[in-house]
Amino acid sequence: MTSNKDMKYYTKEEGKDRIICLLCRHSCKLKEGQVGICGINKNVDGELETLVYGHPIAVHVDPVEKKPLNHVLPGTTALSFGTVGCNFKCPFCQNWDISQEHKVNEDINVSPEEMVELAITHGAESIAYTYNEPTIFYPYAKDIGVIAKEKGLKNLFVSNGFESPEIIEDMASWVDAANIDLKSWDDAYYKKVLKGGLEEVKDTLRRMVAAGIWVEVTTLLIEGDNDSDKDLKEMADFIANDLGKHVPWHLSAFHPDYKMLDHQRTKLETLMRAKKIGQEAGLHYIYLGNVPVHADTHCPDCDELVIDRTGYNVTVNTLENGHCPKCHRVIEGVWS
């Protein structure tokens, strides 16, 4: 089942019997019957078919803070789902059992209408496209998202940032917020280890911000791999100068998983060092993840505590229409 109501997700290659997938920046050229790098988009009779359309593999109701999105409807829940497949090959993936799987369970059928109904039934205020890379099931995601938007729900994309420019342009019409991974500041590492590309992810981030999508950035810090002071400083400067000082930066602790079971867990001191570098770059909102510390939001001007978070629970929220209650500065985010 495919859905191409508003946009074609592929183009035909001139002079060849191949189609070019437009979902992500791999731009896979597919002969009849061939599947892309993601394992789930296939050339069927000269058209792109998303094999996981209607077949989610994981569906949960999560706090929105778990995405992590700290400046989007705090204290609410997001119906979160993912499918099998991914366009990256990260050796530290926490959801590798679904992201690196290509076998689709066709016994599970959830139509876009049913997914939105699930969210409403469970009292969720948003739908999060997450767990694996949502760009690869974009045709399914968008069909859900358009209905969700009509029903007053927000749409949240949790992504590695390898969307094609065409998809980003299309996303602006229905996606409210995105958390994008900035996994490393080393293009060679991105290409060789993750099978992606740093420049492409930077371009995606710039385009999303320019398109008016609320963006938060996550960096999973892995000691010895991506935590040098130089790399962190350049990353922080990029966020501050290219995206905006108001863009939240989530610094997350690595824990051993998948192909990196022998690598040590990231220490709190490493996250604190990165946070200090981010503050020196002028970033207003920096949050630490996977460690037992509060992820509170303070007003950048007067330092008033506006949101107190303990774990994924919001215990205090004194925002007044998105403003600091004390000095009335706008606190950037999607608050309603």
C-alpha atoms as a PDB file:
ATOM      1  CA  MET A   1       0.000   0.000   0.000  1.00  0.00           C
ATOM      2  CA  THR A   2       1.436   3.367  -0.935  1.00  0.00           C
ATOM      3  CA  SER A   3       0.118   6.856  -0.589  1.00  0.00           C
ATOM      4  CA  ASN A   4       1.213   9.585  -2.936  1.00  0.00           C
ATOM      5  CA  LYS A   5      -1.700  11.994  -2.642  1.00  0.00           C
ATOM      6  CA  ASP A   6       0.278  15.224  -2.574  1.00  0.00           C
ATOM      7  CA  MET A   7       3.772  14.304  -3.476  1.00  0.00           C
ATOM      8  CA  LYS A   8       5.671  11.627  -5.299  1.00  0.00           C
ATOM      9  CA  TYR A   9       8.374  10.122  -3.135  1.00  0.00           C
ATOM     10  CA  TYR A  10      10.509   9.066  -6.080  1.00  0.00           C
ATOM     11  CA  THR A  11      11.530  10.184  -9.526  1.00  0.00           C
ATOM     12  CA  LYS A  12      12.389   8.194 -12.634  1.00  0.00           C
ATOM     13  CA  GLU A  13      16.037   8.115 -13.661  1.00  0.00           C
ATOM     14  CA  GLU A  14      16.495   9.506 -17.152  1.00  0.00           C
ATOM     15  CA  GLY A  15      17.302   6.935 -19.779  1.00  0.00           C
ATOM     16  CA  LYS A  16      17.381   4.070 -17.290  1.00  0.00           C
ATOM     17  CA  ASP A  17      14.767   1.690 -15.940  1.00  0.00           C
ATOM     18  CA  ARG A  18      15.502   2.778 -12.373  1.00  0.00           C
ATOM     19  CA  ILE A  19      13.698   5.018  -9.935  1.00  0.00           C
ATOM     20  CA  ILE A  20      15.426   7.353  -7.474  1.00  0.00           C
ATOM     21  CA  CYS A  21      14.019   7.386  -3.956  1.00  0.00           C
ATOM     22  CA  LEU A  22      13.511  10.936  -2.632  1.00  0.00           C
ATOM     23  CA  LEU A  23      12.915  10.065   1.024  1.00  0.00           C
ATOM     24  CA  CYS A  24      16.472  10.493   2.292  1.00  0.00           C
ATOM     25  CA  ARG A  25      19.824  11.741   1.119  1.00  0.00           C
ATOM     26  CA  HIS A  26      21.079   8.324   0.106  1.00  0.00           C
ATOM     27  CA  SER A  27      18.942   8.856  -3.033  1.00  0.00           C
ATOM     28  CA  CYS A  28      18.947   5.107  -3.702  1.00  0.00           C
ATOM     29  CA  LYS A  29      18.664   4.175  -7.379  1.00  0.00           C
ATOM     30  CA  LEU A  30      16.426   1.144  -7.534  1.00  0.00           C
ATOM     31  CA  LYS A  31      15.919  -1.327 -10.344  1.00  0.00           C
ATOM     32  CA  GLU A  32      12.669  -3.295 -10.497  1.00  0.00           C
ATOM     33  CA  GLY A  33      12.361  -5.402  -7.319  1.00  0.00           C
ATOM     34  CA  GLN A  34      15.311  -3.698  -5.640  1.00  0.00           C
ATOM     35  CA  VAL A  35      15.161  -2.395  -2.055  1.00  0.00           C
ATOM     36  CA  GLY A  36      16.988   0.698  -0.754  1.00  0.00           C
ATOM     37  CA  ILE A  37      19.660   0.912   1.952  1.00  0.00           C
ATOM     38  CA  CYS A  38      16.869   1.223   4.548  1.00  0.00           C
ATOM     39  CA  GLY A  39      15.588  -2.237   3.636  1.00  0.00           C
ATOM     40  CA  ILE A  40      11.958  -1.177   3.416  1.00  0.00           C
ATOM     41  CA  ASN A  41      11.460   0.979   0.307  1.00  0.00           C
ATOM     42  CA  LYS A  42      11.214  -1.019  -2.891  1.00  0.00           C
ATOM     43  CA  ASN A  43      10.786  -0.503  -6.611  1.00  0.00           C
ATOM     44  CA  VAL A  44       7.534  -2.324  -7.430  1.00  0.00           C
ATOM     45  CA  ASP A  45       6.368  -1.974 -11.039  1.00  0.00           C
ATOM     46  CA  GLY A  46       8.334   1.242 -11.457  1.00  0.00           C
ATOM     47  CA  GLU A  47       6.917   2.899  -8.327  1.00  0.00           C
ATOM     48  CA  LEU A  48       8.289   3.293  -4.828  1.00  0.00           C
ATOM     49  CA  GLU A  49       6.526   1.083  -2.316  1.00  0.00           C
ATOM     50  CA  THR A  50       7.027   1.558   1.424  1.00  0.00           C
ATOM     51  CA  LEU A  51       6.840  -2.022   2.692  1.00  0.00           C
ATOM     52  CA  VAL A  52       6.116  -1.020   6.311  1.00  0.00           C
ATOM     53  CA  TYR A  53       3.104   1.156   5.408  1.00  0.00           C
ATOM     54  CA  GLY A  54       0.425   0.259   7.987  1.00  0.00           C
ATOM     55  CA  HIS A  55       2.741  -2.152   9.806  1.00  0.00           C
ATOM     56  CA  PRO A  56       4.238  -0.587  12.960  1.00  0.00           C
ATOM     57  CA  ILE A  57       6.397  -2.872  15.104  1.00  0.00           C
ATOM     58  CA  ALA A  58       6.307  -0.834  18.335  1.00  0.00           C
ATOM     59  CA  VAL A  59       3.574   1.434  19.705  1.00  0.00           C
ATOM     60  CA  HIS A  60       3.722   3.030  23.184  1.00  0.00           C
ATOM     61  CA  VAL A  61       2.408   6.032  25.069  1.00  0.00           C
ATOM     62  CA  ASP A  62       5.451   7.973  26.338  1.00  0.00           C
ATOM     63  CA  PRO A  63       6.026  11.265  28.150  1.00  0.00           C
ATOM     64  CA  VAL A  64       6.981  13.834  25.507  1.00  0.00           C
ATOM     65  CA  GLU A  65      10.126  14.513  27.603  1.00  0.00           C
ATOM     66  CA  LYS A  66      11.354  11.021  26.670  1.00  0.00           C
ATOM     67  CA  LYS A  67      11.691  11.889  22.943  1.00  0.00           C
ATOM     68  CA  PRO A  68      13.535  14.051  24.226  1.00  0.00           C
ATOM     69  CA  LEU A  69      11.543  17.238  23.594  1.00  0.00           C
ATOM     70  CA  ASN A  70      11.629  19.587  26.567  1.00  0.00           C
ATOM     71  CA  HIS A  71      10.074  22.614  24.884  1.00  0.00           C
ATOM     72  CA  VAL A  72       6.987  20.896  23.474  1.00  0.00           C
ATOM     73  CA  LEU A  73       3.795  20.552  25.561  1.00  0.00           C
ATOM     74  CA  PRO A  74       5.600  19.707  28.844  1.00  0.00           C
ATOM     75  CA  GLY A  75       3.972  17.105  31.051  1.00  0.00           C
ATOM     76  CA  THR A  76       1.884  15.621  28.225  1.00  0.00           C
ATOM     77  CA  THR A  77       2.144  12.243  26.512  1.00  0.00           C
ATOM     78  CA  ALA A  78       2.925  11.294  22.921  1.00  0.00           C
ATOM     79  CA  LEU A  79       1.635   8.201  21.163  1.00  0.00           C
ATOM     80  CA  SER A  80       4.997   6.926  19.903  1.00  0.00           C
ATOM     81  CA  PHE A  81       5.560   4.336  17.214  1.00  0.00           C
ATOM     82  CA  GLY A  82       8.157   2.957  14.857  1.00  0.00           C
ATOM     83  CA  THR A  83       8.613   0.290  12.200  1.00  0.00           C
ATOM     84  CA  VAL A  84      11.494  -1.952  11.189  1.00  0.00           C
ATOM     85  CA  GLY A  85      14.344  -0.575   9.078  1.00  0.00           C
ATOM     86  CA  CYS A  86      16.806   2.320   9.131  1.00  0.00           C
ATOM     87  CA  ASN A  87      19.007   4.266   6.717  1.00  0.00           C
ATOM     88  CA  PHE A  88      21.930   4.378   9.191  1.00  0.00           C
ATOM     89  CA  LYS A  89      24.016   1.596  10.759  1.00  0.00           C
ATOM     90  CA  CYS A  90      24.937   3.047  14.157  1.00  0.00           C
ATOM     91  CA  PRO A  91      26.859   0.455  16.207  1.00  0.00           C
ATOM     92  CA  PHE A  92      25.455   1.916  19.464  1.00  0.00           C
ATOM     93  CA  CYS A  93      21.776   1.841  18.440  1.00  0.00           C
ATOM     94  CA  GLN A  94      19.480   1.212  21.403  1.00  0.00           C
ATOM     95  CA  ASN A  95      16.673  -0.020  19.134  1.00  0.00           C
ATOM     96  CA  TRP A  96      18.882  -2.099  16.857  1.00  0.00           C
ATOM     97  CA  ASP A  97      16.561  -5.112  17.127  1.00  0.00           C
ATOM     98  CA  ILE A  98      13.980  -3.213  15.063  1.00  0.00           C
ATOM     99  CA  SER A  99      16.114  -0.672  13.192  1.00  0.00           C
ATOM    100  CA  GLN A 100      18.434  -3.288  11.687  1.00  0.00           C
ATOM    101  CA  GLU A 101      15.585  -5.708  10.980  1.00  0.00           C
ATOM    102  CA  HIS A 102      14.032  -5.775   7.511  1.00  0.00           C
ATOM    103  CA  LYS A 103      11.393  -8.463   7.950  1.00  0.00           C
ATOM    104  CA  VAL A 104       7.973  -6.785   8.017  1.00  0.00           C
ATOM    105  CA  ASN A 105       5.268  -8.281  10.223  1.00  0.00           C
ATOM    106  CA  GLU A 106       2.263  -7.933   7.945  1.00  0.00           C
ATOM    107  CA  ASP A 107      -0.044  -9.425  10.591  1.00  0.00           C
ATOM    108  CA  ILE A 108       0.070  -6.057  12.367  1.00  0.00           C
ATOM    109  CA  ASN A 109      -2.185  -3.594  10.553  1.00  0.00           C
ATOM    110  CA  VAL A 110      -2.781  -0.055  11.788  1.00  0.00           C
ATOM    111  CA  SER A 111      -4.286   2.393   9.315  1.00  0.00           C
ATOM    112  CA  PRO A 112      -3.487   6.124   9.609  1.00  0.00           C
ATOM    113  CA  GLU A 113      -7.025   6.712  10.934  1.00  0.00           C
ATOM    114  CA  GLU A 114      -6.597   3.979  13.562  1.00  0.00           C
ATOM    115  CA  MET A 115      -3.242   5.383  14.711  1.00  0.00           C
ATOM    116  CA  VAL A 116      -4.783   8.816  15.311  1.00  0.00           C
ATOM    117  CA  GLU A 117      -7.739   7.202  17.091  1.00  0.00           C
ATOM    118  CA  LEU A 118      -5.287   5.329  19.350  1.00  0.00           C
ATOM    119  CA  ALA A 119      -3.608   8.605  20.303  1.00  0.00           C
ATOM    120  CA  ILE A 120      -6.920  10.266  21.144  1.00  0.00           C
ATOM    121  CA  THR A 121      -8.198   7.240  23.097  1.00  0.00           C
ATOM    122  CA  HIS A 122      -5.041   7.238  25.237  1.00  0.00           C
ATOM    123  CA  GLY A 123      -5.233  10.973  25.926  1.00  0.00           C
ATOM    124  CA  ALA A 124      -2.016  11.757  24.048  1.00  0.00           C
ATOM    125  CA  GLU A 125      -1.625  15.325  22.792  1.00  0.00           C
ATOM    126  CA  SER A 126       0.847  14.400  20.081  1.00  0.00           C
ATOM    127  CA  ILE A 127       2.082  11.588  17.873  1.00  0.00           C
ATOM    128  CA  ALA A 128       5.813  10.852  17.800  1.00  0.00           C
ATOM    129  CA  TYR A 129       7.415   9.143  14.823  1.00  0.00           C
ATOM    130  CA  THR A 130      10.328   7.476  16.572  1.00  0.00           C
ATOM    131  CA  TYR A 131      12.165   4.275  17.678  1.00  0.00           C
ATOM    132  CA  ASN A 132      13.584   3.737  14.179  1.00  0.00           C
ATOM    133  CA  GLU A 133      14.196   6.371  11.484  1.00  0.00           C
ATOM    134  CA  PRO A 134      10.815   7.886  10.528  1.00  0.00           C
ATOM    135  CA  THR A 135      12.091   9.366   7.266  1.00  0.00           C
ATOM    136  CA  ILE A 136      12.055   5.901   5.732  1.00  0.00           C
ATOM    137  CA  PHE A 137       8.344   5.435   6.511  1.00  0.00           C
ATOM    138  CA  TYR A 138       7.489   9.037   5.633  1.00  0.00           C
ATOM    139  CA  PRO A 139       4.528   8.194   3.339  1.00  0.00           C
ATOM    140  CA  TYR A 140       2.861   6.386   6.272  1.00  0.00           C
ATOM    141  CA  ALA A 141       3.907   9.047   8.792  1.00  0.00           C
ATOM    142  CA  LYS A 142       2.526  11.886   6.706  1.00  0.00           C
ATOM    143  CA  ASP A 143      -0.847  10.213   6.142  1.00  0.00           C
ATOM    144  CA  ILE A 144      -1.147   9.815   9.918  1.00  0.00           C
ATOM    145  CA  GLY A 145       0.173  13.318  10.595  1.00  0.00           C
ATOM    146  CA  VAL A 146      -2.256  15.127   8.321  1.00  0.00           C
ATOM    147  CA  ILE A 147      -5.230  13.489  10.087  1.00  0.00           C
ATOM    148  CA  ALA A 148      -3.629  14.111  13.506  1.00  0.00           C
ATOM    149  CA  LYS A 149      -3.228  17.797  12.691  1.00  0.00           C
ATOM    150  CA  GLU A 150      -6.903  18.066  11.705  1.00  0.00           C
ATOM    151  CA  LYS A 151      -7.807  16.561  15.089  1.00  0.00           C
ATOM    152  CA  GLY A 152      -5.661  19.071  16.972  1.00  0.00           C
ATOM    153  CA  LEU A 153      -2.727  16.793  17.775  1.00  0.00           C
ATOM    154  CA  LYS A 154       0.910  17.819  17.357  1.00  0.00           C
ATOM    155  CA  ASN A 155       3.327  15.813  15.180  1.00  0.00           C
ATOM    156  CA  LEU A 156       6.851  15.080  16.447  1.00  0.00           C
ATOM    157  CA  PHE A 157       9.707  13.686  14.361  1.00  0.00           C
ATOM    158  CA  VAL A 158      12.623  11.963  16.138  1.00  0.00           C
ATOM    159  CA  SER A 159      15.236  11.580  13.458  1.00  0.00           C
ATOM    160  CA  ASN A 160      18.885  11.205  12.439  1.00  0.00           C
ATOM    161  CA  GLY A 161      18.517  14.231  10.161  1.00  0.00           C
ATOM    162  CA  PHE A 162      19.154  12.565   6.814  1.00  0.00           C
ATOM    163  CA  GLU A 163      15.901  13.748   5.197  1.00  0.00           C
ATOM    164  CA  SER A 164      16.062  14.914   1.598  1.00  0.00           C
ATOM    165  CA  PRO A 165      15.453  18.645   0.982  1.00  0.00           C
ATOM    166  CA  GLU A 166      12.183  17.698  -0.781  1.00  0.00           C
ATOM    167  CA  ILE A 167      10.939  15.898   2.337  1.00  0.00           C
ATOM    168  CA  ILE A 168      11.914  18.765   4.664  1.00  0.00           C
ATOM    169  CA  GLU A 169       9.968  21.179   2.487  1.00  0.00           C
ATOM    170  CA  ASP A 170       6.973  18.846   2.666  1.00  0.00           C
ATOM    171  CA  MET A 171       7.340  18.309   6.439  1.00  0.00           C
ATOM    172  CA  ALA A 172       6.869  22.010   7.111  1.00  0.00           C
ATOM    173  CA  SER A 173       3.164  21.640   6.301  1.00  0.00           C
ATOM    174  CA  TRP A 174       2.419  19.101   9.054  1.00  0.00           C
ATOM    175  CA  VAL A 175       5.369  18.480  11.439  1.00  0.00           C
ATOM    176  CA  ASP A 176       5.388  20.714  14.541  1.00  0.00           C
ATOM    177  CA  ALA A 177       8.665  19.691  16.168  1.00  0.00           C
ATOM    178  CA  ALA A 178      11.702  17.515  15.572  1.00  0.00           C
ATOM    179  CA  ASN A 179      14.486  16.153  17.703  1.00  0.00           C
ATOM    180  CA  ILE A 180      17.490  15.630  15.443  1.00  0.00           C
ATOM    181  CA  ASP A 181      20.615  13.666  16.345  1.00  0.00           C
ATOM    182  CA  LEU A 182      23.944  15.388  15.835  1.00  0.00           C
ATOM    183  CA  LYS A 183      25.940  12.228  16.403  1.00  0.00           C
ATOM    184  CA  SER A 184      29.473  13.419  15.730  1.00  0.00           C
ATOM    185  CA  TRP A 185      31.455  16.368  14.399  1.00  0.00           C
ATOM    186  CA  ASP A 186      33.611  14.107  12.243  1.00  0.00           C
ATOM    187  CA  ASP A 187      32.389  13.589   8.689  1.00  0.00           C
ATOM    188  CA  ALA A 188      34.627  10.541   8.199  1.00  0.00           C
ATOM    189  CA  TYR A 189      33.084   8.910  11.290  1.00  0.00           C
ATOM    190  CA  TYR A 190      29.595   9.716  10.005  1.00  0.00           C
ATOM    191  CA  LYS A 191      30.363   8.152   6.626  1.00  0.00           C
ATOM    192  CA  LYS A 192      32.425   5.167   7.698  1.00  0.00           C
ATOM    193  CA  VAL A 193      30.795   4.101  10.956  1.00  0.00           C
ATOM    194  CA  LEU A 194      27.228   5.436  10.818  1.00  0.00           C
ATOM    195  CA  LYS A 195      26.786   5.298   7.021  1.00  0.00           C
ATOM    196  CA  GLY A 196      25.475   8.875   6.898  1.00  0.00           C
ATOM    197  CA  GLY A 197      27.092  12.282   6.468  1.00  0.00           C
ATOM    198  CA  LEU A 198      27.741  15.267   8.724  1.00  0.00           C
ATOM    199  CA  GLU A 199      27.310  18.010   6.109  1.00  0.00           C
ATOM    200  CA  GLU A 200      23.927  16.593   5.119  1.00  0.00           C
ATOM    201  CA  VAL A 201      22.729  16.559   8.742  1.00  0.00           C
ATOM    202  CA  LYS A 202      23.902  20.152   9.248  1.00  0.00           C
ATOM    203  CA  ASP A 203      22.032  21.138   6.093  1.00  0.00           C
ATOM    204  CA  THR A 204      18.887  19.380   7.357  1.00  0.00           C
ATOM    205  CA  LEU A 205      19.079  21.223  10.673  1.00  0.00           C
ATOM    206  CA  ARG A 206      19.430  24.588   8.968  1.00  0.00           C
ATOM    207  CA  ARG A 207      16.547  23.827   6.596  1.00  0.00           C
ATOM    208  CA  MET A 208      14.226  22.639   9.369  1.00  0.00           C
ATOM    209  CA  VAL A 209      14.807  25.746  11.468  1.00  0.00           C
ATOM    210  CA  ALA A 210      14.303  27.937   8.388  1.00  0.00           C
ATOM    211  CA  ALA A 211      11.070  26.052   7.590  1.00  0.00           C
ATOM    212  CA  GLY A 212       9.638  26.969  10.989  1.00  0.00           C
ATOM    213  CA  ILE A 213       9.750  23.482  12.510  1.00  0.00           C
ATOM    214  CA  TRP A 214      10.632  23.613  16.231  1.00  0.00           C
ATOM    215  CA  VAL A 215      13.999  21.833  16.521  1.00  0.00           C
ATOM    216  CA  GLU A 216      15.852  20.319  19.476  1.00  0.00           C
ATOM    217  CA  VAL A 217      19.263  18.682  18.988  1.00  0.00           C
ATOM    218  CA  THR A 218      20.544  15.542  20.716  1.00  0.00           C
ATOM    219  CA  THR A 219      24.165  14.424  20.959  1.00  0.00           C
ATOM    220  CA  LEU A 220      24.854  11.009  22.457  1.00  0.00           C
ATOM    221  CA  LEU A 221      28.292  11.480  24.015  1.00  0.00           C
ATOM    222  CA  ILE A 222      30.612   8.504  23.632  1.00  0.00           C
ATOM    223  CA  GLU A 223      33.920   8.977  25.421  1.00  0.00           C
ATOM    224  CA  GLY A 224      36.850   8.817  23.012  1.00  0.00           C
ATOM    225  CA  ASP A 225      34.604   8.900  19.950  1.00  0.00           C
ATOM    226  CA  ASN A 226      32.917  12.313  19.855  1.00  0.00           C
ATOM    227  CA  ASP A 227      33.641  14.146  23.111  1.00  0.00           C
ATOM    228  CA  SER A 228      36.827  16.139  22.429  1.00  0.00           C
ATOM    229  CA  ASP A 229      36.670  19.774  23.602  1.00  0.00           C
ATOM    230  CA  LYS A 230      37.392  20.933  20.049  1.00  0.00           C
ATOM    231  CA  ASP A 231      34.509  18.951  18.534  1.00  0.00           C
ATOM    232  CA  LEU A 232      32.080  19.956  21.290  1.00  0.00           C
ATOM    233  CA  LYS A 233      33.013  23.622  20.928  1.00  0.00           C
ATOM    234  CA  GLU A 234      32.475  23.537  17.165  1.00  0.00           C
ATOM    235  CA  MET A 235      29.176  21.705  17.609  1.00  0.00           C
ATOM    236  CA  ALA A 236      27.957  24.217  20.188  1.00  0.00           C
ATOM    237  CA  ASP A 237      29.045  27.134  17.988  1.00  0.00           C
ATOM    238  CA  PHE A 238      27.193  25.614  15.028  1.00  0.00           C
ATOM    239  CA  ILE A 239      23.968  25.303  17.048  1.00  0.00           C
ATOM    240  CA  ALA A 240      24.318  28.827  18.464  1.00  0.00           C
ATOM    241  CA  ASN A 241      25.272  30.580  15.217  1.00  0.00           C
ATOM    242  CA  ASP A 242      23.592  28.549  12.466  1.00  0.00           C
ATOM    243  CA  LEU A 243      20.427  27.424  14.247  1.00  0.00           C
ATOM    244  CA  GLY A 244      19.973  29.874  17.109  1.00  0.00           C
ATOM    245  CA  LYS A 245      20.934  30.140  20.772  1.00  0.00           C
ATOM    246  CA  HIS A 246      17.361  29.223  21.704  1.00  0.00           C
ATOM    247  CA  VAL A 247      17.677  25.725  20.161  1.00  0.00           C
ATOM    248  CA  PRO A 248      17.843  23.203  23.038  1.00  0.00           C
ATOM    249  CA  TRP A 249      20.845  20.857  23.129  1.00  0.00           C
ATOM    250  CA  HIS A 250      20.341  17.477  24.789  1.00  0.00           C
ATOM    251  CA  LEU A 251      23.594  15.878  25.917  1.00  0.00           C
ATOM    252  CA  SER A 252      22.952  12.217  26.492  1.00  0.00           C
ATOM    253  CA  ALA A 253      25.058   9.579  28.235  1.00  0.00           C
ATOM    254  CA  PHE A 254      25.981   6.504  26.207  1.00  0.00           C
ATOM    255  CA  HIS A 255      25.418   3.108  27.751  1.00  0.00           C
ATOM    256  CA  PRO A 256      26.830  -0.107  26.233  1.00  0.00           C
ATOM    257  CA  ASP A 257      24.502  -1.574  23.602  1.00  0.00           C
ATOM    258  CA  TYR A 258      24.381  -3.532  20.334  1.00  0.00           C
ATOM    259  CA  LYS A 259      27.920  -3.697  18.866  1.00  0.00           C
ATOM    260  CA  MET A 260      29.511  -1.516  21.573  1.00  0.00           C
ATOM    261  CA  LEU A 261      28.990  -3.670  24.642  1.00  0.00           C
ATOM    262  CA  ASP A 262      32.680  -3.409  25.579  1.00  0.00           C
ATOM    263  CA  HIS A 263      32.675   0.406  25.585  1.00  0.00           C
ATOM    264  CA  GLN A 264      32.323   2.131  28.935  1.00  0.00           C
ATOM    265  CA  ARG A 265      29.290   4.150  29.981  1.00  0.00           C
ATOM    266  CA  THR A 266      29.659   7.938  29.665  1.00  0.00           C
ATOM    267  CA  LYS A 267      30.507   9.650  32.961  1.00  0.00           C
ATOM    268  CA  LEU A 268      28.499  12.532  34.374  1.00  0.00           C
ATOM    269  CA  GLU A 269      31.696  14.655  34.376  1.00  0.00           C
ATOM    270  CA  THR A 270      31.880  14.307  30.577  1.00  0.00           C
ATOM    271  CA  LEU A 271      28.333  15.625  30.203  1.00  0.00           C
ATOM    272  CA  MET A 272      29.042  18.479  32.635  1.00  0.00           C
ATOM    273  CA  ARG A 273      32.153  19.420  30.630  1.00  0.00           C
ATOM    274  CA  ALA A 274      30.084  19.457  27.418  1.00  0.00           C
ATOM    275  CA  LYS A 275      27.368  21.508  29.107  1.00  0.00           C
ATOM    276  CA  LYS A 276      29.925  24.120  30.164  1.00  0.00           C
ATOM    277  CA  ILE A 277      31.193  24.331  26.568  1.00  0.00           C
ATOM    278  CA  GLY A 278      27.610  24.807  25.377  1.00  0.00           C
ATOM    279  CA  GLN A 279      27.031  27.559  27.920  1.00  0.00           C
ATOM    280  CA  GLU A 280      30.240  29.313  26.819  1.00  0.00           C
ATOM    281  CA  ALA A 281      28.877  29.246  23.246  1.00  0.00           C
ATOM    282  CA  GLY A 282      25.829  31.112  24.529  1.00  0.00           C
ATOM    283  CA  LEU A 283      23.243  28.315  24.288  1.00  0.00           C
ATOM    284  CA  HIS A 284      20.183  29.090  26.429  1.00  0.00           C
ATOM    285  CA  TYR A 285      18.862  25.592  27.052  1.00  0.00           C
ATOM    286  CA  ILE A 286      21.115  22.582  27.681  1.00  0.00           C
ATOM    287  CA  TYR A 287      19.789  19.328  29.105  1.00  0.00           C
ATOM    288  CA  LEU A 288      21.566  16.200  30.323  1.00  0.00           C
ATOM    289  CA  GLY A 289      20.024  12.818  29.540  1.00  0.00           C
ATOM    290  CA  ASN A 290      20.429   9.218  30.776  1.00  0.00           C
ATOM    291  CA  VAL A 291      21.849  10.536  34.069  1.00  0.00           C
ATOM    292  CA  PRO A 292      20.114  11.178  37.406  1.00  0.00           C
ATOM    293  CA  VAL A 293      20.037  14.983  37.267  1.00  0.00           C
ATOM    294  CA  HIS A 294      17.177  17.440  36.903  1.00  0.00           C
ATOM    295  CA  ALA A 295      16.501  18.690  33.372  1.00  0.00           C
ATOM    296  CA  ASP A 296      15.082  22.004  34.486  1.00  0.00           C
ATOM    297  CA  THR A 297      14.300  24.974  32.270  1.00  0.00           C
ATOM    298  CA  HIS A 298      15.418  28.382  33.518  1.00  0.00           C
ATOM    299  CA  CYS A 299      14.725  31.777  32.009  1.00  0.00           C
ATOM    300  CA  PRO A 300      17.877  32.772  30.065  1.00  0.00           C
ATOM    301  CA  ASP A 301      17.514  36.403  31.217  1.00  0.00           C
ATOM    302  CA  CYS A 302      16.642  36.298  34.936  1.00  0.00           C
ATOM    303  CA  ASP A 303      17.405  32.612  35.697  1.00  0.00           C
ATOM    304  CA  GLU A 304      13.911  32.030  37.125  1.00  0.00           C
ATOM    305  CA  LEU A 305      13.038  28.311  37.290  1.00  0.00           C
ATOM    306  CA  VAL A 306      10.107  27.942  34.882  1.00  0.00           C
ATOM    307  CA  ILE A 307       9.902  24.162  34.439  1.00  0.00           C
ATOM    308  CA  ASP A 308      11.125  21.633  37.015  1.00  0.00           C
ATOM    309  CA  ARG A 309      11.577  18.105  35.685  1.00  0.00           C
ATOM    310  CA  THR A 310      12.393  15.068  37.782  1.00  0.00           C
ATOM    311  CA  GLY A 311      13.101  12.198  35.431  1.00  0.00           C
ATOM    312  CA  TYR A 312      10.356  12.468  32.820  1.00  0.00           C
ATOM    313  CA  ASN A 313       7.908  14.082  35.242  1.00  0.00           C
ATOM    314  CA  VAL A 314       7.166  17.800  35.189  1.00  0.00           C
ATOM    315  CA  THR A 315       6.734  18.826  38.840  1.00  0.00           C
ATOM    316  CA  VAL A 316       6.592  22.601  38.346  1.00  0.00           C
ATOM    317  CA  ASN A 317       5.533  24.620  35.299  1.00  0.00           C
ATOM    318  CA  THR A 318       5.133  28.349  35.915  1.00  0.00           C
ATOM    319  CA  LEU A 319       5.150  29.447  32.254  1.00  0.00           C
ATOM    320  CA  GLU A 320       2.578  32.149  31.523  1.00  0.00           C
ATOM    321  CA  ASN A 321       1.543  31.882  27.863  1.00  0.00           C
ATOM    322  CA  GLY A 322       5.089  30.838  26.967  1.00  0.00           C
ATOM    323  CA  HIS A 323       6.678  33.655  28.988  1.00  0.00           C
ATOM    324  CA  CYS A 324       8.803  33.784  32.136  1.00  0.00           C
ATOM    325  CA  PRO A 325       6.467  34.662  35.045  1.00  0.00           C
ATOM    326  CA  LYS A 326       9.102  36.946  36.568  1.00  0.00           C
ATOM    327  CA  CYS A 327      10.637  39.043  33.761  1.00  0.00           C
ATOM    328  CA  HIS A 328       8.132  38.107  31.011  1.00  0.00           C
ATOM    329  CA  ARG A 329      10.797  37.060  28.504  1.00  0.00           C
ATOM    330  CA  VAL A 330       9.536  34.688  25.821  1.00  0.00           C
ATOM    331  CA  ILE A 331      10.669  31.112  26.531  1.00  0.00           C
ATOM    332  CA  GLU A 332      10.946  29.578  23.068  1.00  0.00           C
ATOM    333  CA  GLY A 333       9.031  26.390  22.336  1.00  0.00           C
ATOM    334  CA  VAL A 334       5.685  24.858  21.395  1.00  0.00           C
ATOM    335  CA  TRP A 335       3.610  25.380  24.526  1.00  0.00           C
ATOM    336  CA  SER A 336       0.044  25.012  23.250  1.00  0.00           C
END
